[in-house]
N, C-alpha and C. Protein backbone atom coordinates (compact mmCIF):
# COMPACT_ATOMS: atom_id res chain seq x y z
N UNK A 1 0.83 -1.19 -0.10
CA UNK A 1 0.01 -0.12 0.14
C UNK A 1 0.98 1.31 0.01
N UNK A 2 0.60 2.30 -0.71
CA UNK A 2 1.00 3.60 -1.07
C UNK A 2 0.36 4.51 -0.55
N UNK A 3 0.96 4.38 1.28
CA UNK A 3 -0.09 5.66 1.65
C UNK A 3 0.19 7.25 1.34
N UNK A 4 1.54 7.43 0.88
CA UNK A 4 1.54 8.65 0.40
C UNK A 4 2.90 8.88 -0.48
N UNK A 5 3.41 10.12 -1.06
CA UNK A 5 4.46 10.28 -1.97
C UNK A 5 4.50 11.80 -1.67
N UNK A 6 5.89 11.64 -1.80
CA UNK A 6 6.56 13.25 -1.46
C UNK A 6 7.71 13.34 -2.47
N UNK A 7 7.97 14.31 -3.82
CA UNK A 7 8.79 14.59 -4.64
C UNK A 7 8.77 15.71 -5.56
N UNK A 8 9.23 15.88 -6.89
CA UNK A 8 8.83 16.92 -7.53
C UNK A 8 8.11 16.73 -8.81
N UNK A 9 7.40 17.89 -8.92
CA UNK A 9 5.85 17.67 -9.74
C UNK A 9 6.63 17.58 -11.26
N UNK A 10 6.50 16.83 -11.66
CA UNK A 10 6.73 16.83 -13.35
C UNK A 10 6.28 17.36 -14.19
N UNK A 11 4.72 17.07 -13.93
CA UNK A 11 3.61 17.87 -14.73
C UNK A 11 2.29 17.61 -13.85
N UNK A 12 1.38 18.24 -14.47
CA UNK A 12 -0.04 18.63 -14.01
C UNK A 12 -0.67 19.05 -14.83
N UNK A 13 -1.80 17.95 -15.38
CA UNK A 13 -2.63 18.23 -16.42
C UNK A 13 -3.85 17.49 -16.31
N UNK A 14 -5.05 18.46 -16.34
CA UNK A 14 -6.47 17.99 -16.24
C UNK A 14 -6.44 17.49 -14.61
N UNK A 15 -6.79 16.38 -14.52
CA UNK A 15 -7.08 15.54 -12.92
C UNK A 15 -5.70 14.59 -12.80
N UNK A 16 -4.88 14.94 -13.50
CA UNK A 16 -3.35 13.78 -13.46
C UNK A 16 -1.84 14.58 -13.11
N UNK A 17 -1.57 14.26 -12.00
CA UNK A 17 -0.13 14.94 -11.84
C UNK A 17 0.93 13.49 -11.94
N UNK A 18 2.10 13.91 -12.40
CA UNK A 18 2.86 13.07 -12.13
C UNK A 18 4.10 13.47 -10.83
N UNK A 19 4.40 12.90 -10.28
CA UNK A 19 5.26 13.17 -9.02
C UNK A 19 6.46 12.09 -9.39
N UNK A 20 7.69 12.81 -9.19
CA UNK A 20 9.03 12.16 -9.17
C UNK A 20 9.37 11.73 -8.15
N UNK A 21 9.45 10.15 -7.61
CA UNK A 21 10.01 9.95 -6.06
C UNK A 21 11.19 9.05 -6.44
N UNK A 22 11.93 9.18 -6.06
CA UNK A 22 13.29 8.34 -5.98
C UNK A 22 13.56 7.96 -7.34
N UNK A 23 13.41 9.13 -8.15
CA UNK A 23 14.06 8.69 -9.71
C UNK A 23 12.90 8.01 -10.65
N UNK A 24 11.63 7.72 -9.94
CA UNK A 24 10.51 7.17 -10.64
C UNK A 24 9.27 8.13 -10.51
N UNK A 25 8.75 8.52 -12.09
CA UNK A 25 7.58 8.85 -11.93
C UNK A 25 6.09 8.60 -11.74
N UNK A 26 5.45 8.88 -11.01
CA UNK A 26 4.44 8.37 -10.20
C UNK A 26 3.13 9.03 -10.84
N UNK A 27 2.30 8.36 -11.55
CA UNK A 27 1.26 9.20 -12.18
C UNK A 27 0.14 9.25 -10.98
N UNK A 28 -0.73 10.33 -10.66
CA UNK A 28 -1.66 10.37 -9.32
C UNK A 28 -2.77 11.01 -9.99
N UNK A 29 -3.86 10.48 -9.70
CA UNK A 29 -5.43 11.00 -9.83
C UNK A 29 -5.49 11.97 -8.77
N UNK A 30 -6.19 13.07 -8.97
CA UNK A 30 -6.34 14.07 -8.15
C UNK A 30 -7.47 14.60 -8.45
N UNK A 31 -7.84 15.91 -7.65
CA UNK A 31 -8.88 16.71 -8.22
C UNK A 31 -8.26 17.89 -9.06
N UNK A 32 -9.31 18.44 -9.80
CA UNK A 32 -8.65 19.74 -10.30
C UNK A 32 -8.06 20.81 -9.80
N UNK A 33 -8.87 20.82 -8.42
CA UNK A 33 -8.45 22.17 -7.71
C UNK A 33 -7.02 21.80 -7.37
N UNK A 34 -6.34 20.37 -6.61
CA UNK A 34 -5.22 19.97 -6.50
C UNK A 34 -4.36 20.09 -7.35
N UNK A 35 -5.17 19.72 -9.02
CA UNK A 35 -3.58 19.73 -9.97
C UNK A 35 -3.13 21.12 -10.25
N UNK A 36 -4.31 22.38 -10.37
CA UNK A 36 -3.91 23.45 -10.05
C UNK A 36 -3.11 24.25 -9.60
N UNK A 37 -3.19 23.53 -8.07
CA UNK A 37 -2.50 24.04 -6.99
C UNK A 37 -1.21 23.69 -6.89
N UNK A 38 -0.91 22.41 -7.69
CA UNK A 38 0.80 22.08 -7.82
C UNK A 38 1.56 22.68 -8.92
N UNK A 39 2.87 23.24 -8.48
CA UNK A 39 3.77 23.95 -9.73
C UNK A 39 5.17 22.76 -10.12
N UNK A 40 4.72 22.85 -11.38
CA UNK A 40 5.82 21.74 -11.95
C UNK A 40 7.33 22.10 -11.32
N UNK A 41 8.18 21.44 -11.22
CA UNK A 41 9.48 21.65 -10.86
C UNK A 41 9.65 21.72 -9.36
N UNK A 42 8.21 21.46 -8.59
CA UNK A 42 8.39 22.11 -6.90
C UNK A 42 8.02 20.64 -6.29
N UNK A 43 8.46 20.81 -4.83
CA UNK A 43 8.18 19.75 -4.32
C UNK A 43 6.79 19.62 -3.76
N UNK A 44 6.15 18.42 -3.88
CA UNK A 44 4.71 18.04 -3.31
C UNK A 44 4.63 16.95 -2.39
N UNK A 45 3.74 17.22 -1.60
CA UNK A 45 3.17 15.86 -0.76
C UNK A 45 1.62 15.52 -0.51
N UNK A 46 1.34 14.29 -1.27
CA UNK A 46 -0.19 13.78 -1.53
C UNK A 46 -0.31 12.65 -0.37
N UNK A 47 -1.42 12.68 0.46
CA UNK A 47 -1.64 11.69 1.05
C UNK A 47 -2.37 10.87 -0.42
N UNK A 48 -2.25 9.29 -0.30
CA UNK A 48 -2.87 8.51 -1.31
C UNK A 48 -3.52 7.49 -1.02
N UNK A 49 -4.15 6.93 -1.93
CA UNK A 49 -4.98 5.73 -2.06
C UNK A 49 -4.55 4.75 -3.11
N UNK A 50 -3.79 3.92 -3.00
CA UNK A 50 -3.98 2.82 -4.49
C UNK A 50 -4.77 2.01 -4.56
N UNK A 51 -5.46 1.81 -5.81
CA UNK A 51 -6.62 1.28 -6.48
C UNK A 51 -6.28 0.00 -6.89
N UNK A 52 -6.37 -1.16 -6.83
CA UNK A 52 -5.51 -2.42 -7.70
C UNK A 52 -6.78 -3.07 -8.45
N UNK A 53 -6.70 -2.97 -9.69
CA UNK A 53 -7.58 -3.77 -10.23
C UNK A 53 -6.92 -4.84 -11.25
N UNK A 54 -7.59 -5.58 -12.19
CA UNK A 54 -7.33 -6.91 -12.40
C UNK A 54 -6.28 -6.80 -13.51
N UNK A 55 -6.41 -5.10 -14.34
CA UNK A 55 -5.69 -4.83 -15.55
C UNK A 55 -4.92 -3.60 -14.97
N UNK A 56 -5.16 -2.91 -13.73
CA UNK A 56 -4.22 -1.77 -13.41
C UNK A 56 -4.19 -1.26 -11.94
N UNK A 57 -2.98 -0.45 -12.17
CA UNK A 57 -2.46 0.08 -10.43
C UNK A 57 -3.01 1.41 -10.44
N UNK A 58 -3.75 1.76 -9.86
CA UNK A 58 -4.16 3.60 -9.93
C UNK A 58 -3.92 4.10 -8.51
N UNK A 59 -3.37 5.41 -8.74
CA UNK A 59 -2.99 5.91 -7.29
C UNK A 59 -3.74 7.33 -7.13
N UNK A 60 -4.62 7.36 -6.33
CA UNK A 60 -5.46 8.69 -5.90
C UNK A 60 -4.68 9.67 -5.16
N UNK A 61 -4.47 11.08 -5.34
CA UNK A 61 -3.72 11.65 -4.30
C UNK A 61 -4.71 12.64 -3.59
N UNK A 62 -4.39 13.33 -2.55
CA UNK A 62 -5.28 14.29 -1.48
C UNK A 62 -4.44 14.63 -0.82
N UNK A 63 -4.74 16.44 -0.56
CA UNK A 63 -4.20 17.26 0.07
C UNK A 63 -4.33 17.09 1.73
N UNK A 64 -4.98 16.47 2.10
CA UNK A 64 -5.68 16.12 3.37
C UNK A 64 -5.91 14.59 3.56
N UNK A 65 -5.81 14.77 5.23
CA UNK A 65 -6.08 13.25 5.55
C UNK A 65 -7.54 13.00 5.25
N UNK A 66 -8.36 13.57 5.68
CA UNK A 66 -9.77 13.95 5.53
C UNK A 66 -10.31 13.64 4.19
N UNK A 67 -9.86 13.92 3.05
CA UNK A 67 -10.23 13.85 1.87
C UNK A 67 -9.79 12.37 1.37
N UNK A 68 -8.64 11.84 1.80
CA UNK A 68 -8.12 10.47 1.54
C UNK A 68 -9.50 9.60 2.51
N UNK A 69 -9.99 10.01 3.79
CA UNK A 69 -10.96 9.14 3.99
C UNK A 69 -12.31 9.05 3.94
N UNK A 70 -12.58 10.15 3.55
CA UNK A 70 -13.89 10.29 2.52
C UNK A 70 -14.05 9.74 1.37
N UNK A 71 -12.95 9.60 0.70
CA UNK A 71 -12.76 8.91 -0.90
C UNK A 71 -12.71 7.36 -0.50
N UNK A 72 -11.96 6.99 0.66
CA UNK A 72 -11.79 5.31 0.77
C UNK A 72 -13.57 5.01 1.26
N UNK A 73 -14.10 5.78 2.34
CA UNK A 73 -15.45 5.43 2.37
C UNK A 73 -16.32 5.43 1.57
N UNK A 74 -16.23 6.39 0.24
CA UNK A 74 -16.92 6.52 -0.86
C UNK A 74 -16.83 5.27 -1.80
N UNK A 75 -15.29 4.91 -2.03
CA UNK A 75 -15.36 3.58 -2.97
C UNK A 75 -16.00 2.57 -2.31
N UNK A 76 -15.97 2.14 -1.00
CA UNK A 76 -17.09 1.44 -0.30
C UNK A 76 -18.59 1.21 -0.49
N UNK A 77 -19.11 2.08 -1.22
CA UNK A 77 -20.15 2.40 -1.58
C UNK A 77 -20.84 1.85 -2.71
N UNK A 78 -21.61 0.72 -3.14
CA UNK A 78 -22.10 -0.29 -4.15
C UNK A 78 -22.24 1.04 -5.22
N UNK A 79 -21.63 1.07 -6.39
CA UNK A 79 -21.86 1.47 -7.51
C UNK A 79 -20.93 2.79 -7.65
N UNK A 80 -20.13 2.73 -6.65
CA UNK A 80 -19.09 4.30 -6.79
C UNK A 80 -17.97 4.13 -6.79
N UNK A 81 -17.35 3.86 -8.10
CA UNK A 81 -15.97 3.83 -8.14
C UNK A 81 -14.96 4.95 -8.02
N UNK A 82 -13.71 4.30 -8.08
CA UNK A 82 -12.70 5.51 -7.56
C UNK A 82 -13.01 6.82 -8.14
N UNK A 83 -13.39 6.88 -9.72
CA UNK A 83 -13.28 8.24 -10.59
C UNK A 83 -14.75 8.83 -9.75
N UNK A 84 -15.53 7.84 -9.65
CA UNK A 84 -17.08 9.02 -9.04
C UNK A 84 -16.65 9.72 -7.66
N UNK A 85 -15.75 9.16 -6.91
CA UNK A 85 -15.37 9.34 -5.57
C UNK A 85 -14.31 10.66 -5.58
N UNK A 86 -13.67 10.34 -6.61
CA UNK A 86 -12.82 12.03 -6.83
C UNK A 86 -13.48 12.68 -7.42
N UNK A 87 -14.82 12.76 -8.32
CA UNK A 87 -15.46 13.66 -8.13
C UNK A 87 -16.53 14.25 -7.17
N UNK A 88 -16.94 13.32 -6.48
CA UNK A 88 -17.75 13.65 -5.30
C UNK A 88 -16.68 14.98 -4.43
N UNK A 89 -15.41 14.47 -4.35
CA UNK A 89 -14.42 15.72 -3.44
C UNK A 89 -13.89 16.88 -4.53
N UNK A 90 -14.22 16.51 -6.02
CA UNK A 90 -14.02 18.09 -6.72
C UNK A 90 -15.12 18.93 -6.50
N UNK A 91 -16.46 18.50 -6.14
CA UNK A 91 -17.43 19.18 -5.94
C UNK A 91 -17.82 19.41 -4.44
N UNK A 92 -17.76 18.64 -3.54
CA UNK A 92 -17.75 18.75 -1.93
C UNK A 92 -16.92 18.62 -1.18
N UNK A 93 -16.21 19.41 -0.09
CA UNK A 93 -15.41 19.24 1.00
C UNK A 93 -15.85 17.95 1.87
N UNK A 94 -14.88 17.64 2.41
CA UNK A 94 -15.10 16.48 3.33
C UNK A 94 -16.27 16.86 4.30
N UNK A 95 -16.08 18.30 4.94
CA UNK A 95 -17.26 18.98 6.05
C UNK A 95 -18.60 18.79 5.34
N UNK A 96 -18.70 19.32 3.91
CA UNK A 96 -19.77 19.30 3.11
C UNK A 96 -20.38 17.94 3.14
N UNK A 97 -19.32 16.46 2.66
CA UNK A 97 -20.03 15.34 2.70
C UNK A 97 -20.67 15.23 3.73
N UNK A 98 -19.66 15.44 5.21
CA UNK A 98 -20.47 14.88 6.42
C UNK A 98 -21.64 15.41 6.86
N UNK A 99 -21.89 16.76 6.41
CA UNK A 99 -23.20 17.31 6.65
C UNK A 99 -24.38 17.02 5.75
N UNK A 100 -23.64 16.45 4.48
CA UNK A 100 -25.21 16.05 3.47
C UNK A 100 -25.23 14.82 4.02
N UNK A 101 -24.79 14.00 4.72
CA UNK A 101 -24.87 12.62 5.05
C UNK A 101 -25.88 13.01 6.22
N UNK A 102 -25.34 13.75 7.26
CA UNK A 102 -26.03 14.14 8.81
C UNK A 102 -27.23 14.35 8.36
N UNK A 103 -27.79 15.22 7.28
CA UNK A 103 -28.76 16.01 6.94
C UNK A 103 -29.80 15.21 5.90
N UNK A 104 -29.46 13.85 5.54
CA UNK A 104 -30.15 13.02 4.73
C UNK A 104 -30.23 13.67 3.53
N UNK A 105 -29.26 14.62 2.93
CA UNK A 105 -29.32 15.32 1.77
C UNK A 105 -28.56 14.59 0.44
N UNK A 106 -29.41 13.72 -0.05
CA UNK A 106 -28.91 13.12 -1.14
C UNK A 106 -28.84 14.04 -2.55
N UNK A 107 -29.26 15.15 -2.61
CA UNK A 107 -29.40 15.98 -3.62
C UNK A 107 -28.31 16.59 -3.76
N UNK A 108 -27.26 16.73 -2.42
CA UNK A 108 -26.04 17.32 -2.89
C UNK A 108 -25.12 16.31 -3.40
N UNK A 109 -25.27 15.29 -3.62
CA UNK A 109 -24.45 14.47 -4.24
C UNK A 109 -25.07 14.10 -5.93
N UNK A 110 -26.31 14.49 -5.96
CA UNK A 110 -26.78 14.34 -7.63
C UNK A 110 -26.12 15.60 -8.15
N UNK A 111 -25.55 16.35 -7.81
CA UNK A 111 -24.81 17.55 -8.34
C UNK A 111 -23.18 17.18 -9.06
N UNK A 112 -22.88 16.09 -8.50
CA UNK A 112 -21.91 15.31 -9.28
C UNK A 112 -22.16 14.71 -10.01
N UNK A 113 -21.22 14.69 -11.70
CA UNK A 113 -21.47 14.11 -12.94
C UNK A 113 -21.22 12.46 -12.11
N UNK A 114 -22.01 11.92 -13.09
CA UNK A 114 -22.25 10.37 -12.91
C UNK A 114 -22.65 9.96 -11.57
N UNK A 115 -23.17 10.58 -10.96
CA UNK A 115 -23.68 10.07 -9.63
C UNK A 115 -25.31 10.31 -9.86
N UNK A 116 -26.18 9.09 -9.99
CA UNK A 116 -27.69 9.66 -10.04
C UNK A 116 -28.20 8.98 -8.79
N UNK A 117 -29.89 9.41 -9.23
CA UNK A 117 -30.53 9.61 -7.58
C UNK A 117 -30.25 8.10 -6.98
N UNK A 118 -30.29 6.93 -7.17
CA UNK A 118 -30.31 6.09 -6.54
C UNK A 118 -28.64 5.68 -5.72
N UNK A 119 -27.75 6.33 -6.57
CA UNK A 119 -26.48 6.03 -5.95
C UNK A 119 -26.27 7.19 -5.02
N UNK A 120 -27.24 8.39 -5.31
CA UNK A 120 -26.65 9.60 -4.24
C UNK A 120 -27.53 8.99 -2.93
N UNK A 121 -28.84 8.27 -3.10
CA UNK A 121 -29.01 7.90 -2.01
C UNK A 121 -28.53 6.88 -1.24
N UNK A 122 -28.27 5.77 -2.09
CA UNK A 122 -27.05 4.88 -1.65
C UNK A 122 -26.09 5.45 -0.46
N UNK A 123 -25.37 6.64 -1.05
CA UNK A 123 -24.23 7.20 -0.46
C UNK A 123 -24.60 7.54 0.92
N UNK A 124 -25.85 8.20 0.95
CA UNK A 124 -26.16 8.74 2.32
C UNK A 124 -26.59 7.42 3.25
N UNK A 125 -27.15 6.66 2.80
CA UNK A 125 -27.32 5.51 4.02
C UNK A 125 -26.05 4.76 4.20
N UNK A 126 -25.19 4.40 3.06
CA UNK A 126 -24.00 3.61 3.75
C UNK A 126 -23.12 4.34 4.34
N UNK A 127 -23.00 5.85 4.37
CA UNK A 127 -22.07 6.33 5.39
C UNK A 127 -22.73 7.17 6.35
N UNK A 128 -23.94 6.56 6.72
CA UNK A 128 -24.33 7.21 8.07
C UNK A 128 -23.66 6.55 8.97
N UNK A 129 -23.36 7.60 9.82
CA UNK A 129 -22.65 7.11 10.82
C UNK A 129 -21.47 6.74 11.05
N UNK A 130 -20.65 6.90 9.83
CA UNK A 130 -19.11 6.40 9.82
C UNK A 130 -18.30 7.49 9.36
N UNK A 131 -18.67 8.81 9.36
CA UNK A 131 -18.25 10.17 9.06
C UNK A 131 -18.21 10.96 10.23
N UNK A 132 -17.13 11.38 10.73
CA UNK A 132 -16.92 12.30 12.01
C UNK A 132 -16.87 13.57 11.61
N UNK A 133 -16.42 13.84 10.44
CA UNK A 133 -16.14 14.95 9.48
C UNK A 133 -17.63 15.95 9.27
N UNK A 134 -18.00 16.17 10.55
CA UNK A 134 -19.45 17.37 10.34
C UNK A 134 -18.97 18.53 11.04
N UNK A 135 -19.60 19.50 10.84
CA UNK A 135 -19.76 20.62 11.16
C UNK A 135 -19.95 20.77 12.73
N UNK A 136 -19.02 21.43 13.62
CA UNK A 136 -19.64 21.66 14.91
C UNK A 136 -20.69 22.65 15.14
N UNK A 137 -21.42 22.49 16.49
CA UNK A 137 -22.31 23.46 16.58
C UNK A 137 -21.73 25.16 16.30
N UNK A 138 -22.46 25.96 16.10
CA UNK A 138 -22.17 27.37 16.13
C UNK A 138 -21.29 27.90 16.80
N UNK A 139 -21.78 27.56 18.58
CA UNK A 139 -21.17 27.92 19.73
C UNK A 139 -19.48 27.70 19.58
N UNK A 140 -19.27 26.39 19.06
CA UNK A 140 -18.12 25.62 18.89
C UNK A 140 -17.29 25.93 17.97
N UNK A 141 -17.64 26.84 16.75
CA UNK A 141 -17.03 27.12 15.50
C UNK A 141 -15.88 28.00 16.03
N UNK A 142 -15.89 29.08 16.52
CA UNK A 142 -14.51 29.86 16.87
C UNK A 142 -13.44 29.27 17.13
N UNK A 143 -13.94 28.15 18.15
CA UNK A 143 -12.40 27.09 18.75
C UNK A 143 -12.16 26.24 17.45
N UNK A 144 -13.06 25.94 16.59
CA UNK A 144 -12.62 24.89 15.50
C UNK A 144 -11.69 25.28 14.62
N UNK A 145 -12.04 26.66 14.60
CA UNK A 145 -11.20 27.67 13.30
C UNK A 145 -9.92 28.13 13.92
N UNK A 146 -9.70 27.86 14.89
CA UNK A 146 -8.22 28.08 15.40
C UNK A 146 -7.17 27.65 15.02
N UNK A 147 -6.10 27.34 15.80
CA UNK A 147 -4.67 26.83 15.29
C UNK A 147 -4.91 25.33 14.47
N UNK A 148 -5.50 24.73 15.05
CA UNK A 148 -6.10 23.33 14.34
C UNK A 148 -5.96 23.40 12.75
N UNK A 149 -6.97 24.26 12.48
CA UNK A 149 -7.41 24.71 11.01
C UNK A 149 -5.93 25.10 10.43
N UNK A 150 -5.58 26.42 11.07
CA UNK A 150 -4.60 26.99 10.34
C UNK A 150 -3.35 26.14 10.26
N UNK A 151 -2.96 25.42 11.43
CA UNK A 151 -1.82 24.52 11.14
C UNK A 151 -1.97 23.61 9.81
N UNK A 152 -2.72 23.01 9.63
CA UNK A 152 -3.11 21.64 8.99
C UNK A 152 -3.04 22.41 7.18
N UNK A 153 -3.79 23.96 7.12
CA UNK A 153 -3.64 24.54 6.12
C UNK A 153 -1.95 25.08 5.67
N UNK A 154 -1.57 25.66 6.77
CA UNK A 154 -0.42 25.94 6.24
C UNK A 154 0.69 24.93 6.11
N UNK A 155 0.44 23.75 6.77
CA UNK A 155 1.24 22.58 6.29
C UNK A 155 1.26 22.25 4.83
N UNK A 156 -0.21 21.96 4.55
CA UNK A 156 -0.69 21.56 2.98
C UNK A 156 0.15 22.99 2.25
N UNK A 157 -0.03 24.08 2.30
CA UNK A 157 0.35 25.05 1.70
C UNK A 157 2.02 25.08 1.25
N UNK A 158 2.73 24.73 2.26
CA UNK A 158 4.18 24.78 2.56
C UNK A 158 4.77 23.20 1.54
N UNK A 159 3.47 22.37 1.97
CA UNK A 159 3.97 20.64 1.22
C UNK A 159 3.60 20.82 -0.65
N UNK A 160 3.00 22.06 -0.81
CA UNK A 160 2.73 22.25 -2.32
C UNK A 160 3.58 23.32 -3.06
N UNK A 161 4.60 23.52 -1.76
CA UNK A 161 5.59 24.59 -2.62
C UNK A 161 5.81 25.78 -2.08
N UNK A 162 4.80 26.31 -1.22
CA UNK A 162 4.91 27.92 -0.60
C UNK A 162 5.63 27.82 0.40
N UNK A 163 6.42 29.17 0.15
CA UNK A 163 7.38 29.39 1.27
C UNK A 163 6.80 29.52 2.48
N UNK A 164 7.14 29.53 4.15
CA UNK A 164 6.13 29.35 5.07
C UNK A 164 6.02 31.01 5.28
N UNK A 165 6.77 31.92 5.05
CA UNK A 165 6.09 33.03 5.69
C UNK A 165 5.15 33.78 4.38
N UNK A 166 5.07 33.36 3.05
CA UNK A 166 3.97 33.66 2.25
C UNK A 166 2.88 32.71 2.65
N UNK A 167 2.87 31.78 3.06
CA UNK A 167 2.04 30.65 3.23
C UNK A 167 1.15 31.49 4.65
N UNK A 168 2.09 31.52 5.70
CA UNK A 168 1.44 32.14 7.05
C UNK A 168 0.52 33.17 6.80
N UNK A 169 1.03 33.91 6.22
CA UNK A 169 0.24 35.18 5.58
C UNK A 169 -1.16 35.11 4.98
N UNK A 170 -1.06 34.11 3.94
CA UNK A 170 -2.33 33.66 3.47
C UNK A 170 -3.37 33.12 4.10
N UNK A 171 -2.80 32.28 5.13
CA UNK A 171 -3.54 31.74 5.90
C UNK A 171 -4.41 32.40 7.05
N UNK A 172 -3.51 33.48 7.67
CA UNK A 172 -4.02 34.74 8.51
C UNK A 172 -5.33 35.30 7.99
N UNK A 173 -4.78 35.68 6.62
CA UNK A 173 -5.65 36.63 6.06
C UNK A 173 -7.12 35.98 5.58
N UNK A 174 -6.96 34.77 5.15
CA UNK A 174 -8.06 34.00 4.70
C UNK A 174 -8.94 33.72 5.64
N UNK A 175 -8.31 33.43 7.07
CA UNK A 175 -9.31 32.98 8.06
C UNK A 175 -10.00 34.26 8.82
N UNK A 176 -9.30 35.10 8.81
CA UNK A 176 -9.68 36.56 9.01
C UNK A 176 -10.84 37.16 8.28
N UNK A 177 -11.07 36.87 6.79
CA UNK A 177 -12.27 37.09 6.29
C UNK A 177 -13.29 36.02 5.70
N UNK A 178 -12.96 34.84 6.36
CA UNK A 178 -13.95 33.59 5.83
C UNK A 178 -15.10 33.76 6.65
N UNK A 179 -16.28 33.04 6.62
CA UNK A 179 -17.30 32.85 7.09
C UNK A 179 -17.35 32.05 8.21
N UNK A 180 -17.85 32.06 9.28
CA UNK A 180 -18.14 31.01 10.12
C UNK A 180 -18.07 29.32 9.75
N UNK A 181 -19.02 29.56 8.68
CA UNK A 181 -19.13 27.85 8.14
C UNK A 181 -17.69 27.59 7.39
N UNK A 182 -17.27 28.83 6.58
CA UNK A 182 -15.84 28.23 5.94
C UNK A 182 -14.83 28.21 6.62
N UNK A 183 -14.35 28.58 7.78
CA UNK A 183 -13.28 28.64 8.37
C UNK A 183 -13.04 27.36 9.22
N UNK A 184 -14.06 26.28 9.40
CA UNK A 184 -13.85 25.27 10.04
C UNK A 184 -13.53 24.17 9.37
N UNK A 185 -13.56 24.25 7.91
CA UNK A 185 -13.07 23.41 6.86
C UNK A 185 -11.78 23.41 6.10
N UNK A 186 -10.87 22.32 6.63
CA UNK A 186 -9.07 22.59 6.21
C UNK A 186 -9.19 22.74 4.85
N UNK A 187 -10.20 21.85 3.84
CA UNK A 187 -10.02 22.01 2.58
C UNK A 187 -10.75 23.34 1.97
N UNK A 188 -11.85 23.89 2.62
CA UNK A 188 -12.26 25.23 2.15
C UNK A 188 -11.18 26.43 2.25
N UNK A 189 -10.98 26.34 3.48
CA UNK A 189 -9.41 27.30 3.90
C UNK A 189 -8.62 27.10 2.75
N UNK A 190 -8.22 25.76 2.47
CA UNK A 190 -6.89 25.82 1.65
C UNK A 190 -7.27 26.38 0.38
N UNK A 191 -8.50 26.17 -0.37
CA UNK A 191 -8.97 26.35 -1.66
C UNK A 191 -8.91 28.04 -1.64
N UNK A 192 -9.29 28.48 -0.77
CA UNK A 192 -9.86 29.94 -0.45
C UNK A 192 -8.03 30.63 -0.32
N UNK A 193 -7.41 29.92 0.61
CA UNK A 193 -5.94 30.52 0.56
C UNK A 193 -5.37 30.47 -0.92
N UNK A 194 -5.63 29.42 -1.60
CA UNK A 194 -4.78 28.96 -2.98
C UNK A 194 -5.17 30.19 -3.93
N UNK A 195 -6.61 30.38 -3.91
CA UNK A 195 -6.91 31.68 -4.38
C UNK A 195 -6.52 33.09 -4.28
N UNK A 196 -6.26 33.25 -3.14
CA UNK A 196 -5.82 34.54 -2.63
C UNK A 196 -4.25 34.40 -3.21
N UNK A 197 -3.53 33.27 -3.22
CA UNK A 197 -2.11 33.25 -3.64
C UNK A 197 -2.18 33.31 -4.96
N UNK A 198 -2.77 32.60 -5.60
CA UNK A 198 -2.86 32.74 -7.12
C UNK A 198 -1.29 32.60 -7.52
N UNK A 199 -1.37 31.68 -8.92
CA UNK A 199 -0.28 31.63 -9.48
C UNK A 199 0.57 32.57 -10.01
N UNK A 200 0.13 34.22 -10.33
CA UNK A 200 1.12 34.91 -10.41
C UNK A 200 1.84 35.40 -9.27
N UNK A 201 1.30 35.54 -8.24
CA UNK A 201 2.16 35.85 -6.74
C UNK A 201 2.96 35.09 -6.64
N UNK A 202 2.73 33.39 -6.87
CA UNK A 202 3.62 32.31 -6.48
C UNK A 202 5.08 32.55 -7.67
N UNK A 203 4.80 32.88 -8.54
CA UNK A 203 5.96 33.08 -9.67
C UNK A 203 6.65 34.29 -9.09
N UNK A 204 6.09 35.23 -8.74
CA UNK A 204 6.90 36.32 -8.09
C UNK A 204 8.04 35.81 -7.18
N UNK A 205 7.23 35.25 -6.19
CA UNK A 205 8.31 34.45 -4.86
C UNK A 205 9.43 33.74 -5.39
N UNK A 206 8.80 32.84 -6.29
CA UNK A 206 9.77 32.22 -6.80
C UNK A 206 11.32 32.99 -7.60
N UNK A 207 10.85 33.93 -7.95
CA UNK A 207 11.54 34.59 -9.18
C UNK A 207 12.41 36.11 -8.15
N UNK A 208 12.00 35.79 -6.84
CA UNK A 208 12.64 36.99 -5.89
C UNK A 208 14.04 36.72 -5.50
């Protein structure tokens, strides 16, 4: 089992990235947002799940452990393959998946390409009681949005190639402007921070 990979990004196209590990280029399937965040020629670390089929070995990568956990739960649902599970995480964050399951909201999963009404309902039924990734009550949100989320997002940004100084500033500014709902989710804060940083700013940092 390959549980994680760390190395130089050789290419990032669509939903496929190639990361060189020990002189070997590993092809990893990721969400489009993750692929856009990776920078060719720079170091990256992804949590991974190896899917074994009779005719193939496929590696799926994620920035956070929560995303990996949800992916593996989704692939255990009848009718949900690894590509469909990846599609769910391209549309919904782990917190949003947990909330949809807790609220018996199969409509959220029907928004994902390839997920029909029956499969969406089955996802909700199959994942009920298995997800601890749900939004806490409003009174606990301030605490949940503290150092834990900030530290995880900071580590993810550094793993994607940003300097600690630039990453820390982006995390602080993102959390300051995010809503209570957004700031409790590591994937959401990560996406907002990446949008704030932008490829142009990252290029400028490299050339500085």
